[in-house]
Amino acid sequence: MKKVISVIIAITLITCLFAGCAASSDSGVYKIAIVQQLDHASLDEIRTSVEAELDAIASEKGIRIEYKEYNGQNDSTVLNQIGAQVMDGDFDAIIPIATLAAQCMVTAAEGTDMPIIYAAISDPETAGLTGLKTVTGTSDALNTPFILDMMFAVNPDIQTVGLLYSNSEANSTTPIAEAKAYLEAKGIAYLEKTGNTADEIIAAANSLVGRCDAVFTPTDNVVMNVAGAVAEILTNAGIPHYTGADSFVAAGAFTTCGVNYTELGTYTADLAYQVLTTGEYPDFHVMDGGIITVNTETAAALNLDYSVFASMANTVKEVTTAE
């Protein structure tokens, strides 16, 4: 009988090794750490959606899913401290929101089998978040050429485009390279202005005034942190700001074409449940974009006709600046 039991245990271990075993809790409760990189509208929307979907799953499946929120204040030191706390805690999975948060959680969990299901990583490969055994998630990768197509559809006579971003933000690396390649192919000049703090970004935005016809910013969390101030500077100067997320537009930027962050949060939570219950880690999922969001107040202030957008996307969503 002991030999039979030993064989069964061995088979079980081998099955888990090659197929992956679902996470479980002795108490029958799944405990998840939600680590948000910083406070801003897009990331707040994702966190709220993740939590709402986890609550819905728990209700539908008749299980308990508990989650605890952490906020890294956009500081790698704080995020690394959070990572240490989470790994010392009794969690079954981590959901980090945004690139730096995901990178710090992966570092904290190195050498363990802690499931990490990230949310809103614009370029998982560049961020070093692919090819990892227990890591997957969702991507809000931009269609940069399409956003620039929107720019020239509204104003075909643009001569110079400003590129406003943080050179410390991994999300901006690929889209900015794509923007440069696009503009160079069209023979359009561009002017890069960067910063790594709120004050530096505001100074960079001011330095673009009078020097460009439009500005592009990807899903850059550092710029998003001062999106309202940047929007005011550019709009007052008569410069339309094309961006990588609808949270910029809600803060006063002119327009974007990107993903729905509520849907991204929902998908991330569903993916986390799949990982926890099956032990399977599918490749990261790139969310569908195609939603053009326009700030009508900003469009009026800039005297811009954006009716051409209706022929470019299935959905054109009109918003006003959030209070």
C-alpha atoms as a PDB file:
ATOM      1  CA  MET A   1       0.000   0.000   0.000  1.00  0.00           C
ATOM      2  CA  LYS A   2       2.864   2.395   0.834  1.00  0.00           C
ATOM      3  CA  LYS A   3       4.365   1.716  -2.601  1.00  0.00           C
ATOM      4  CA  VAL A   4       1.021   2.549  -4.269  1.00  0.00           C
ATOM      5  CA  ILE A   5       0.734   5.795  -2.337  1.00  0.00           C
ATOM      6  CA  SER A   6       4.308   6.711  -3.239  1.00  0.00           C
ATOM      7  CA  VAL A   7       3.594   6.122  -6.925  1.00  0.00           C
ATOM      8  CA  ILE A   8       0.450   8.280  -6.756  1.00  0.00           C
ATOM      9  CA  ILE A   9       2.371  11.104  -5.061  1.00  0.00           C
ATOM     10  CA  ALA A  10       5.147  10.880  -7.633  1.00  0.00           C
ATOM     11  CA  ILE A  11       2.679  11.015 -10.513  1.00  0.00           C
ATOM     12  CA  THR A  12       0.943  14.024  -8.947  1.00  0.00           C
ATOM     13  CA  LEU A  13       4.232  15.878  -8.527  1.00  0.00           C
ATOM     14  CA  ILE A  14       5.264  15.167 -12.102  1.00  0.00           C
ATOM     15  CA  THR A  15       1.871  16.325 -13.388  1.00  0.00           C
ATOM     16  CA  CYS A  16       2.181  19.594 -11.462  1.00  0.00           C
ATOM     17  CA  LEU A  17       5.718  20.096 -12.678  1.00  0.00           C
ATOM     18  CA  PHE A  18       4.865  19.816 -16.360  1.00  0.00           C
ATOM     19  CA  ALA A  19       1.243  20.980 -16.500  1.00  0.00           C
ATOM     20  CA  GLY A  20       1.246  23.590 -13.727  1.00  0.00           C
ATOM     21  CA  CYS A  21      -0.835  23.367 -10.588  1.00  0.00           C
ATOM     22  CA  ALA A  22      -3.550  25.792  -9.616  1.00  0.00           C
ATOM     23  CA  ALA A  23      -2.900  27.938  -6.575  1.00  0.00           C
ATOM     24  CA  SER A  24      -4.954  27.084  -3.537  1.00  0.00           C
ATOM     25  CA  SER A  25      -5.448  28.267   0.002  1.00  0.00           C
ATOM     26  CA  ASP A  26      -5.918  26.090   3.056  1.00  0.00           C
ATOM     27  CA  SER A  27      -8.727  28.418   4.137  1.00  0.00           C
ATOM     28  CA  GLY A  28     -10.479  28.171   0.769  1.00  0.00           C
ATOM     29  CA  VAL A  29      -9.877  31.871   0.113  1.00  0.00           C
ATOM     30  CA  TYR A  30      -7.866  33.343  -2.740  1.00  0.00           C
ATOM     31  CA  LYS A  31      -5.820  36.301  -1.523  1.00  0.00           C
ATOM     32  CA  ILE A  32      -4.551  38.787  -4.096  1.00  0.00           C
ATOM     33  CA  ALA A  33      -2.247  41.783  -3.722  1.00  0.00           C
ATOM     34  CA  ILE A  34      -3.152  44.620  -6.110  1.00  0.00           C
ATOM     35  CA  VAL A  35      -0.134  46.887  -6.549  1.00  0.00           C
ATOM     36  CA  GLN A  36      -0.836  50.163  -8.333  1.00  0.00           C
ATOM     37  CA  GLN A  37       2.171  52.120  -9.564  1.00  0.00           C
ATOM     38  CA  LEU A  38       0.679  55.524  -8.736  1.00  0.00           C
ATOM     39  CA  ASP A  39      -2.591  57.407  -8.593  1.00  0.00           C
ATOM     40  CA  HIS A  40      -3.969  58.688 -11.856  1.00  0.00           C
ATOM     41  CA  ALA A  41      -7.233  58.326 -13.695  1.00  0.00           C
ATOM     42  CA  SER A  42      -6.362  55.406 -16.004  1.00  0.00           C
ATOM     43  CA  LEU A  43      -4.724  53.288 -13.314  1.00  0.00           C
ATOM     44  CA  ASP A  44      -7.520  54.085 -10.856  1.00  0.00           C
ATOM     45  CA  GLU A  45     -10.044  52.937 -13.482  1.00  0.00           C
ATOM     46  CA  ILE A  46      -8.143  49.683 -13.989  1.00  0.00           C
ATOM     47  CA  ARG A  47      -7.906  48.963 -10.252  1.00  0.00           C
ATOM     48  CA  THR A  48     -11.602  49.646  -9.725  1.00  0.00           C
ATOM     49  CA  SER A  49     -12.497  47.370 -12.638  1.00  0.00           C
ATOM     50  CA  VAL A  50     -10.186  44.569 -11.442  1.00  0.00           C
ATOM     51  CA  GLU A  51     -11.774  44.639  -8.005  1.00  0.00           C
ATOM     52  CA  ALA A  52     -15.324  44.772  -9.373  1.00  0.00           C
ATOM     53  CA  GLU A  53     -14.665  41.725 -11.572  1.00  0.00           C
ATOM     54  CA  LEU A  54     -13.019  39.793  -8.725  1.00  0.00           C
ATOM     55  CA  ASP A  55     -16.114  40.497  -6.605  1.00  0.00           C
ATOM     56  CA  ALA A  56     -18.363  39.330  -9.462  1.00  0.00           C
ATOM     57  CA  ILE A  57     -16.352  36.126  -9.938  1.00  0.00           C
ATOM     58  CA  ALA A  58     -16.482  35.376  -6.216  1.00  0.00           C
ATOM     59  CA  SER A  59     -20.247  35.849  -6.177  1.00  0.00           C
ATOM     60  CA  GLU A  60     -20.815  33.779  -9.316  1.00  0.00           C
ATOM     61  CA  LYS A  61     -18.542  30.905  -8.273  1.00  0.00           C
ATOM     62  CA  GLY A  62     -19.551  30.882  -4.623  1.00  0.00           C
ATOM     63  CA  ILE A  63     -15.959  31.436  -3.455  1.00  0.00           C
ATOM     64  CA  ARG A  64     -14.078  34.083  -1.518  1.00  0.00           C
ATOM     65  CA  ILE A  65     -11.549  36.348  -3.177  1.00  0.00           C
ATOM     66  CA  GLU A  66      -9.850  38.814  -0.897  1.00  0.00           C
ATOM     67  CA  TYR A  67      -7.607  41.582  -2.184  1.00  0.00           C
ATOM     68  CA  LYS A  68      -5.419  44.223  -0.604  1.00  0.00           C
ATOM     69  CA  GLU A  69      -4.447  47.474  -2.313  1.00  0.00           C
ATOM     70  CA  TYR A  70      -0.935  48.909  -2.380  1.00  0.00           C
ATOM     71  CA  ASN A  71       0.235  52.134  -4.030  1.00  0.00           C
ATOM     72  CA  GLY A  72       3.850  52.675  -5.035  1.00  0.00           C
ATOM     73  CA  GLN A  73       3.666  56.476  -5.513  1.00  0.00           C
ATOM     74  CA  ASN A  74       5.645  56.013  -8.745  1.00  0.00           C
ATOM     75  CA  ASP A  75       8.747  55.334  -6.629  1.00  0.00           C
ATOM     76  CA  SER A  76      10.831  52.209  -7.250  1.00  0.00           C
ATOM     77  CA  THR A  77      12.076  52.194  -3.645  1.00  0.00           C
ATOM     78  CA  VAL A  78       8.507  52.193  -2.334  1.00  0.00           C
ATOM     79  CA  LEU A  79       7.488  49.536  -4.859  1.00  0.00           C
ATOM     80  CA  ASN A  80      10.398  47.303  -3.878  1.00  0.00           C
ATOM     81  CA  GLN A  81       9.384  47.659  -0.232  1.00  0.00           C
ATOM     82  CA  ILE A  82       5.828  46.702  -1.178  1.00  0.00           C
ATOM     83  CA  GLY A  83       7.187  43.696  -3.064  1.00  0.00           C
ATOM     84  CA  ALA A  84       9.020  42.517   0.049  1.00  0.00           C
ATOM     85  CA  GLN A  85       5.869  42.982   2.166  1.00  0.00           C
ATOM     86  CA  VAL A  86       3.726  41.076  -0.312  1.00  0.00           C
ATOM     87  CA  MET A  87       6.183  38.179  -0.520  1.00  0.00           C
ATOM     88  CA  ASP A  88       6.259  38.011   3.290  1.00  0.00           C
ATOM     89  CA  GLY A  89       2.464  37.952   3.352  1.00  0.00           C
ATOM     90  CA  ASP A  90      -0.021  35.189   2.702  1.00  0.00           C
ATOM     91  CA  PHE A  91      -0.962  35.982  -0.893  1.00  0.00           C
ATOM     92  CA  ASP A  92      -1.873  33.608  -3.707  1.00  0.00           C
ATOM     93  CA  ALA A  93      -1.193  36.059  -6.554  1.00  0.00           C
ATOM     94  CA  ILE A  94      -0.104  39.607  -7.356  1.00  0.00           C
ATOM     95  CA  ILE A  95      -1.785  41.959  -9.825  1.00  0.00           C
ATOM     96  CA  PRO A  96       0.578  44.878 -10.511  1.00  0.00           C
ATOM     97  CA  ILE A  97      -0.846  47.806 -12.485  1.00  0.00           C
ATOM     98  CA  ALA A  98       1.605  49.578 -14.850  1.00  0.00           C
ATOM     99  CA  THR A  99       5.128  48.740 -15.922  1.00  0.00           C
ATOM    100  CA  LEU A 100       7.332  49.789 -13.015  1.00  0.00           C
ATOM    101  CA  ALA A 101       4.997  48.086 -10.542  1.00  0.00           C
ATOM    102  CA  ALA A 102       5.145  44.867 -12.572  1.00  0.00           C
ATOM    103  CA  GLN A 103       8.923  44.960 -12.862  1.00  0.00           C
ATOM    104  CA  CYS A 104       9.348  45.464  -9.108  1.00  0.00           C
ATOM    105  CA  MET A 105       6.926  42.645  -8.277  1.00  0.00           C
ATOM    106  CA  VAL A 106       8.726  40.260 -10.645  1.00  0.00           C
ATOM    107  CA  THR A 107      12.011  41.134  -8.945  1.00  0.00           C
ATOM    108  CA  ALA A 108      10.491  40.582  -5.497  1.00  0.00           C
ATOM    109  CA  ALA A 109       9.090  37.179  -6.529  1.00  0.00           C
ATOM    110  CA  GLU A 110      12.248  35.964  -8.264  1.00  0.00           C
ATOM    111  CA  GLY A 111      13.031  32.342  -7.429  1.00  0.00           C
ATOM    112  CA  THR A 112       9.465  31.605  -6.325  1.00  0.00           C
ATOM    113  CA  ASP A 113       6.316  30.353  -8.055  1.00  0.00           C
ATOM    114  CA  MET A 114       4.221  33.394  -7.109  1.00  0.00           C
ATOM    115  CA  PRO A 115       1.675  34.051  -9.883  1.00  0.00           C
ATOM    116  CA  ILE A 116       1.930  37.590 -11.283  1.00  0.00           C
ATOM    117  CA  ILE A 117      -0.806  38.853 -13.611  1.00  0.00           C
ATOM    118  CA  TYR A 118       0.065  42.376 -14.687  1.00  0.00           C
ATOM    119  CA  ALA A 119      -2.246  45.041 -16.099  1.00  0.00           C
ATOM    120  CA  ALA A 120      -1.637  47.762 -18.707  1.00  0.00           C
ATOM    121  CA  ILE A 121       1.909  47.089 -19.827  1.00  0.00           C
ATOM    122  CA  SER A 122       2.404  48.906 -23.118  1.00  0.00           C
ATOM    123  CA  ASP A 123       5.434  46.877 -24.198  1.00  0.00           C
ATOM    124  CA  PRO A 124       5.868  43.689 -22.124  1.00  0.00           C
ATOM    125  CA  GLU A 125       8.855  42.475 -24.141  1.00  0.00           C
ATOM    126  CA  THR A 126      10.875  45.683 -23.776  1.00  0.00           C
ATOM    127  CA  ALA A 127       9.945  45.765 -20.084  1.00  0.00           C
ATOM    128  CA  GLY A 128      11.419  42.271 -19.578  1.00  0.00           C
ATOM    129  CA  LEU A 129       8.056  40.730 -18.691  1.00  0.00           C
ATOM    130  CA  THR A 130       7.916  37.946 -21.277  1.00  0.00           C
ATOM    131  CA  GLY A 131       9.309  34.424 -21.142  1.00  0.00           C
ATOM    132  CA  LEU A 132       8.784  34.181 -17.380  1.00  0.00           C
ATOM    133  CA  LYS A 133       7.280  30.979 -16.000  1.00  0.00           C
ATOM    134  CA  THR A 134       4.590  32.402 -13.714  1.00  0.00           C
ATOM    135  CA  VAL A 135       4.007  35.833 -15.283  1.00  0.00           C
ATOM    136  CA  THR A 136       1.324  36.945 -17.739  1.00  0.00           C
ATOM    137  CA  GLY A 137      -1.118  39.807 -18.089  1.00  0.00           C
ATOM    138  CA  THR A 138      -2.683  42.428 -20.329  1.00  0.00           C
ATOM    139  CA  SER A 139      -1.127  45.001 -22.641  1.00  0.00           C
ATOM    140  CA  ASP A 140      -2.462  48.391 -23.690  1.00  0.00           C
ATOM    141  CA  ALA A 141      -0.014  48.628 -26.592  1.00  0.00           C
ATOM    142  CA  LEU A 142      -0.586  51.713 -28.715  1.00  0.00           C
ATOM    143  CA  ASN A 143      -1.222  51.838 -32.425  1.00  0.00           C
ATOM    144  CA  THR A 144       1.126  54.804 -32.772  1.00  0.00           C
ATOM    145  CA  PRO A 145       0.871  55.198 -36.564  1.00  0.00           C
ATOM    146  CA  PHE A 146      -2.924  55.368 -36.298  1.00  0.00           C
ATOM    147  CA  ILE A 147      -2.795  58.174 -33.740  1.00  0.00           C
ATOM    148  CA  LEU A 148      -0.436  60.102 -35.994  1.00  0.00           C
ATOM    149  CA  ASP A 149      -2.781  59.390 -38.926  1.00  0.00           C
ATOM    150  CA  MET A 150      -5.478  61.098 -36.855  1.00  0.00           C
ATOM    151  CA  MET A 151      -3.184  64.074 -36.361  1.00  0.00           C
ATOM    152  CA  PHE A 152      -2.632  64.581 -40.091  1.00  0.00           C
ATOM    153  CA  ALA A 153      -6.280  63.853 -40.922  1.00  0.00           C
ATOM    154  CA  VAL A 154      -7.254  66.884 -38.851  1.00  0.00           C
ATOM    155  CA  ASN A 155      -4.380  69.041 -40.122  1.00  0.00           C
ATOM    156  CA  PRO A 156      -2.527  67.836 -43.228  1.00  0.00           C
ATOM    157  CA  ASP A 157      -0.286  70.941 -43.142  1.00  0.00           C
ATOM    158  CA  ILE A 158       1.575  70.085 -39.927  1.00  0.00           C
ATOM    159  CA  GLN A 159       5.270  70.967 -40.237  1.00  0.00           C
ATOM    160  CA  THR A 160       6.667  70.051 -36.805  1.00  0.00           C
ATOM    161  CA  VAL A 161       5.420  67.574 -34.191  1.00  0.00           C
ATOM    162  CA  GLY A 162       6.410  67.797 -30.545  1.00  0.00           C
ATOM    163  CA  LEU A 163       7.187  64.531 -28.753  1.00  0.00           C
ATOM    164  CA  LEU A 164       6.561  64.973 -25.027  1.00  0.00           C
ATOM    165  CA  TYR A 165       7.461  62.048 -22.783  1.00  0.00           C
ATOM    166  CA  SER A 166       9.589  60.785 -19.902  1.00  0.00           C
ATOM    167  CA  ASN A 167      12.808  59.022 -20.856  1.00  0.00           C
ATOM    168  CA  SER A 168      12.532  56.968 -17.655  1.00  0.00           C
ATOM    169  CA  GLU A 169       9.133  55.546 -18.616  1.00  0.00           C
ATOM    170  CA  ALA A 170       9.366  52.123 -20.273  1.00  0.00           C
ATOM    171  CA  ASN A 171       5.892  52.560 -21.777  1.00  0.00           C
ATOM    172  CA  SER A 172       7.184  55.377 -23.977  1.00  0.00           C
ATOM    173  CA  THR A 173      10.229  53.692 -25.516  1.00  0.00           C
ATOM    174  CA  THR A 174       8.584  51.817 -28.385  1.00  0.00           C
ATOM    175  CA  PRO A 175       5.831  54.359 -29.252  1.00  0.00           C
ATOM    176  CA  ILE A 176       8.341  57.212 -29.431  1.00  0.00           C
ATOM    177  CA  ALA A 177      10.599  55.152 -31.705  1.00  0.00           C
ATOM    178  CA  GLU A 178       7.552  54.371 -33.856  1.00  0.00           C
ATOM    179  CA  ALA A 179       6.560  58.041 -33.958  1.00  0.00           C
ATOM    180  CA  LYS A 180      10.036  59.096 -35.075  1.00  0.00           C
ATOM    181  CA  ALA A 181      10.077  56.471 -37.838  1.00  0.00           C
ATOM    182  CA  TYR A 182       6.604  57.549 -39.025  1.00  0.00           C
ATOM    183  CA  LEU A 183       7.512  61.247 -39.109  1.00  0.00           C
ATOM    184  CA  GLU A 184      10.867  60.659 -40.766  1.00  0.00           C
ATOM    185  CA  ALA A 185       9.155  58.627 -43.500  1.00  0.00           C
ATOM    186  CA  LYS A 186       6.800  61.558 -44.151  1.00  0.00           C
ATOM    187  CA  GLY A 187       9.597  64.131 -44.040  1.00  0.00           C
ATOM    188  CA  ILE A 188       8.040  65.862 -41.020  1.00  0.00           C
ATOM    189  CA  ALA A 189      10.270  67.500 -38.409  1.00  0.00           C
ATOM    190  CA  TYR A 190       9.910  66.580 -34.760  1.00  0.00           C
ATOM    191  CA  LEU A 191      11.068  68.141 -31.511  1.00  0.00           C
ATOM    192  CA  GLU A 192      11.666  65.949 -28.448  1.00  0.00           C
ATOM    193  CA  LYS A 193      11.152  67.286 -24.947  1.00  0.00           C
ATOM    194  CA  THR A 194      11.455  65.025 -21.913  1.00  0.00           C
ATOM    195  CA  GLY A 195      11.455  65.098 -18.129  1.00  0.00           C
ATOM    196  CA  ASN A 196      11.427  62.728 -15.195  1.00  0.00           C
ATOM    197  CA  THR A 197       9.570  64.808 -12.601  1.00  0.00           C
ATOM    198  CA  ALA A 198       6.357  66.815 -12.620  1.00  0.00           C
ATOM    199  CA  ASP A 199       8.250  70.119 -12.768  1.00  0.00           C
ATOM    200  CA  GLU A 200      10.471  68.879 -15.598  1.00  0.00           C
ATOM    201  CA  ILE A 201       7.483  67.740 -17.669  1.00  0.00           C
ATOM    202  CA  ILE A 202       5.722  71.075 -17.182  1.00  0.00           C
ATOM    203  CA  ALA A 203       8.915  72.896 -18.220  1.00  0.00           C
ATOM    204  CA  ALA A 204       9.197  70.596 -21.246  1.00  0.00           C
ATOM    205  CA  ALA A 205       5.608  71.365 -22.269  1.00  0.00           C
ATOM    206  CA  ASN A 206       6.253  75.079 -21.972  1.00  0.00           C
ATOM    207  CA  SER A 207       9.347  74.741 -24.141  1.00  0.00           C
ATOM    208  CA  LEU A 208       7.219  73.361 -26.985  1.00  0.00           C
ATOM    209  CA  VAL A 209       5.046  76.482 -27.178  1.00  0.00           C
ATOM    210  CA  GLY A 210       5.528  78.324 -30.436  1.00  0.00           C
ATOM    211  CA  ARG A 211       7.762  75.593 -31.824  1.00  0.00           C
ATOM    212  CA  CYS A 212       5.400  72.873 -33.066  1.00  0.00           C
ATOM    213  CA  ASP A 213       1.976  72.385 -34.631  1.00  0.00           C
ATOM    214  CA  ALA A 214       0.853  69.355 -32.592  1.00  0.00           C
ATOM    215  CA  VAL A 215       2.183  67.238 -29.718  1.00  0.00           C
ATOM    216  CA  PHE A 216       2.192  63.462 -29.234  1.00  0.00           C
ATOM    217  CA  THR A 217       2.535  61.708 -25.857  1.00  0.00           C
ATOM    218  CA  PRO A 218       2.227  57.895 -25.441  1.00  0.00           C
ATOM    219  CA  THR A 219       0.801  56.116 -22.363  1.00  0.00           C
ATOM    220  CA  ASP A 220       3.404  57.812 -20.209  1.00  0.00           C
ATOM    221  CA  ASN A 221       2.653  57.686 -16.472  1.00  0.00           C
ATOM    222  CA  VAL A 222       5.016  60.557 -15.612  1.00  0.00           C
ATOM    223  CA  VAL A 223       3.294  62.911 -18.064  1.00  0.00           C
ATOM    224  CA  MET A 224      -0.117  61.617 -16.990  1.00  0.00           C
ATOM    225  CA  ASN A 225       0.678  62.690 -13.450  1.00  0.00           C
ATOM    226  CA  VAL A 226       0.533  66.344 -14.615  1.00  0.00           C
ATOM    227  CA  ALA A 227      -1.798  65.881 -17.599  1.00  0.00           C
ATOM    228  CA  GLY A 228      -4.103  68.713 -16.577  1.00  0.00           C
ATOM    229  CA  ALA A 229      -1.292  71.253 -16.365  1.00  0.00           C
ATOM    230  CA  VAL A 230       0.168  70.089 -19.696  1.00  0.00           C
ATOM    231  CA  ALA A 231      -3.250  70.292 -21.384  1.00  0.00           C
ATOM    232  CA  GLU A 232      -3.740  73.852 -20.160  1.00  0.00           C
ATOM    233  CA  ILE A 233      -0.312  74.921 -21.431  1.00  0.00           C
ATOM    234  CA  LEU A 234      -0.770  73.400 -24.873  1.00  0.00           C
ATOM    235  CA  THR A 235      -4.416  74.393 -25.375  1.00  0.00           C
ATOM    236  CA  ASN A 236      -3.728  77.997 -24.378  1.00  0.00           C
ATOM    237  CA  ALA A 237      -0.922  77.974 -26.966  1.00  0.00           C
ATOM    238  CA  GLY A 238      -3.255  76.620 -29.665  1.00  0.00           C
ATOM    239  CA  ILE A 239      -1.469  73.252 -29.868  1.00  0.00           C
ATOM    240  CA  PRO A 240      -3.550  70.025 -30.031  1.00  0.00           C
ATOM    241  CA  HIS A 241      -2.266  67.240 -27.792  1.00  0.00           C
ATOM    242  CA  TYR A 242      -2.617  63.683 -29.167  1.00  0.00           C
ATOM    243  CA  THR A 243      -2.137  61.101 -26.439  1.00  0.00           C
ATOM    244  CA  GLY A 244      -2.016  57.413 -25.579  1.00  0.00           C
ATOM    245  CA  ALA A 245      -4.886  57.127 -23.106  1.00  0.00           C
ATOM    246  CA  ASP A 246      -8.354  58.531 -22.530  1.00  0.00           C
ATOM    247  CA  SER A 247      -7.345  59.727 -19.061  1.00  0.00           C
ATOM    248  CA  PHE A 248      -5.221  62.414 -20.762  1.00  0.00           C
ATOM    249  CA  VAL A 249      -8.287  63.500 -22.722  1.00  0.00           C
ATOM    250  CA  ALA A 250     -10.420  63.644 -19.591  1.00  0.00           C
ATOM    251  CA  ALA A 251      -7.714  65.897 -18.134  1.00  0.00           C
ATOM    252  CA  GLY A 252      -7.943  68.274 -21.111  1.00  0.00           C
ATOM    253  CA  ALA A 253      -5.852  66.837 -23.967  1.00  0.00           C
ATOM    254  CA  PHE A 254      -7.470  66.930 -27.418  1.00  0.00           C
ATOM    255  CA  THR A 255      -7.785  63.264 -28.380  1.00  0.00           C
ATOM    256  CA  THR A 256      -6.559  59.663 -28.262  1.00  0.00           C
ATOM    257  CA  CYS A 257      -7.256  56.293 -29.788  1.00  0.00           C
ATOM    258  CA  GLY A 258      -6.714  53.536 -27.299  1.00  0.00           C
ATOM    259  CA  VAL A 259      -8.153  50.776 -25.180  1.00  0.00           C
ATOM    260  CA  ASN A 260     -11.060  50.810 -22.782  1.00  0.00           C
ATOM    261  CA  TYR A 261      -9.412  50.565 -19.353  1.00  0.00           C
ATOM    262  CA  THR A 262     -12.528  49.194 -17.674  1.00  0.00           C
ATOM    263  CA  GLU A 263     -12.480  46.309 -20.149  1.00  0.00           C
ATOM    264  CA  LEU A 264      -8.737  45.871 -19.574  1.00  0.00           C
ATOM    265  CA  GLY A 265      -9.250  45.614 -15.822  1.00  0.00           C
ATOM    266  CA  THR A 266     -12.054  43.103 -16.272  1.00  0.00           C
ATOM    267  CA  TYR A 267      -9.943  40.952 -18.588  1.00  0.00           C
ATOM    268  CA  THR A 268      -7.012  41.103 -16.150  1.00  0.00           C
ATOM    269  CA  ALA A 269      -9.172  39.877 -13.267  1.00  0.00           C
ATOM    270  CA  ASP A 270     -10.578  37.044 -15.410  1.00  0.00           C
ATOM    271  CA  LEU A 271      -7.036  36.085 -16.384  1.00  0.00           C
ATOM    272  CA  ALA A 272      -5.974  36.064 -12.737  1.00  0.00           C
ATOM    273  CA  TYR A 273      -8.828  33.714 -11.859  1.00  0.00           C
ATOM    274  CA  GLN A 274      -7.852  31.431 -14.760  1.00  0.00           C
ATOM    275  CA  VAL A 275      -4.247  31.301 -13.544  1.00  0.00           C
ATOM    276  CA  LEU A 276      -5.261  30.611  -9.946  1.00  0.00           C
ATOM    277  CA  THR A 277      -7.715  27.838 -10.806  1.00  0.00           C
ATOM    278  CA  THR A 278      -5.912  26.098 -13.674  1.00  0.00           C
ATOM    279  CA  GLY A 279      -2.232  26.836 -13.142  1.00  0.00           C
ATOM    280  CA  GLU A 280      -1.986  27.758 -16.833  1.00  0.00           C
ATOM    281  CA  TYR A 281      -0.203  30.917 -17.998  1.00  0.00           C
ATOM    282  CA  PRO A 282      -1.288  32.013 -21.494  1.00  0.00           C
ATOM    283  CA  ASP A 283       0.732  34.619 -23.372  1.00  0.00           C
ATOM    284  CA  PHE A 284      -0.002  38.217 -22.470  1.00  0.00           C
ATOM    285  CA  HIS A 285      -3.120  39.616 -24.125  1.00  0.00           C
ATOM    286  CA  VAL A 286      -3.080  42.824 -26.165  1.00  0.00           C
ATOM    287  CA  MET A 287      -6.393  44.612 -25.675  1.00  0.00           C
ATOM    288  CA  ASP A 288      -8.310  45.798 -28.715  1.00  0.00           C
ATOM    289  CA  GLY A 289      -8.164  49.548 -29.301  1.00  0.00           C
ATOM    290  CA  GLY A 290     -10.128  51.432 -31.906  1.00  0.00           C
ATOM    291  CA  ILE A 291     -11.937  53.824 -29.561  1.00  0.00           C
ATOM    292  CA  ILE A 292     -11.278  57.481 -30.430  1.00  0.00           C
ATOM    293  CA  THR A 293     -11.930  59.765 -27.496  1.00  0.00           C
ATOM    294  CA  VAL A 294     -12.233  63.530 -28.059  1.00  0.00           C
ATOM    295  CA  ASN A 295     -12.428  66.349 -25.528  1.00  0.00           C
ATOM    296  CA  THR A 296     -15.130  68.573 -27.014  1.00  0.00           C
ATOM    297  CA  GLU A 297     -14.204  71.565 -24.825  1.00  0.00           C
ATOM    298  CA  THR A 298     -10.602  71.399 -25.996  1.00  0.00           C
ATOM    299  CA  ALA A 299     -11.671  70.925 -29.624  1.00  0.00           C
ATOM    300  CA  ALA A 300     -13.814  74.071 -29.370  1.00  0.00           C
ATOM    301  CA  ALA A 301     -10.979  76.039 -27.724  1.00  0.00           C
ATOM    302  CA  LEU A 302      -8.648  74.986 -30.545  1.00  0.00           C
ATOM    303  CA  ASN A 303     -11.343  75.512 -33.218  1.00  0.00           C
ATOM    304  CA  LEU A 304     -10.719  72.007 -34.550  1.00  0.00           C
ATOM    305  CA  ASP A 305     -13.126  70.015 -36.726  1.00  0.00           C
ATOM    306  CA  TYR A 306     -12.742  66.344 -35.804  1.00  0.00           C
ATOM    307  CA  SER A 307     -15.628  65.016 -37.916  1.00  0.00           C
ATOM    308  CA  VAL A 308     -13.092  63.058 -39.994  1.00  0.00           C
ATOM    309  CA  PHE A 309     -12.655  60.695 -37.037  1.00  0.00           C
ATOM    310  CA  ALA A 310     -16.075  59.180 -37.700  1.00  0.00           C
ATOM    311  CA  SER A 311     -14.692  57.512 -40.830  1.00  0.00           C
ATOM    312  CA  MET A 312     -11.569  56.262 -39.025  1.00  0.00           C
ATOM    313  CA  ALA A 313     -13.019  54.281 -36.106  1.00  0.00           C
ATOM    314  CA  ASN A 314     -16.146  52.408 -35.105  1.00  0.00           C
ATOM    315  CA  THR A 315     -16.516  54.476 -31.949  1.00  0.00           C
ATOM    316  CA  VAL A 316     -15.889  58.176 -31.352  1.00  0.00           C
ATOM    317  CA  LYS A 317     -16.471  59.030 -27.717  1.00  0.00           C
ATOM    318  CA  GLU A 318     -16.960  62.667 -26.741  1.00  0.00           C
ATOM    319  CA  VAL A 319     -15.968  63.800 -23.253  1.00  0.00           C
ATOM    320  CA  THR A 320     -15.432  67.039 -21.374  1.00  0.00           C
ATOM    321  CA  THR A 321     -12.658  67.944 -18.970  1.00  0.00           C
ATOM    322  CA  ALA A 322     -13.112  66.307 -15.569  1.00  0.00           C
ATOM    323  CA  GLU A 323     -13.390  68.613 -12.585  1.00  0.00           C
END
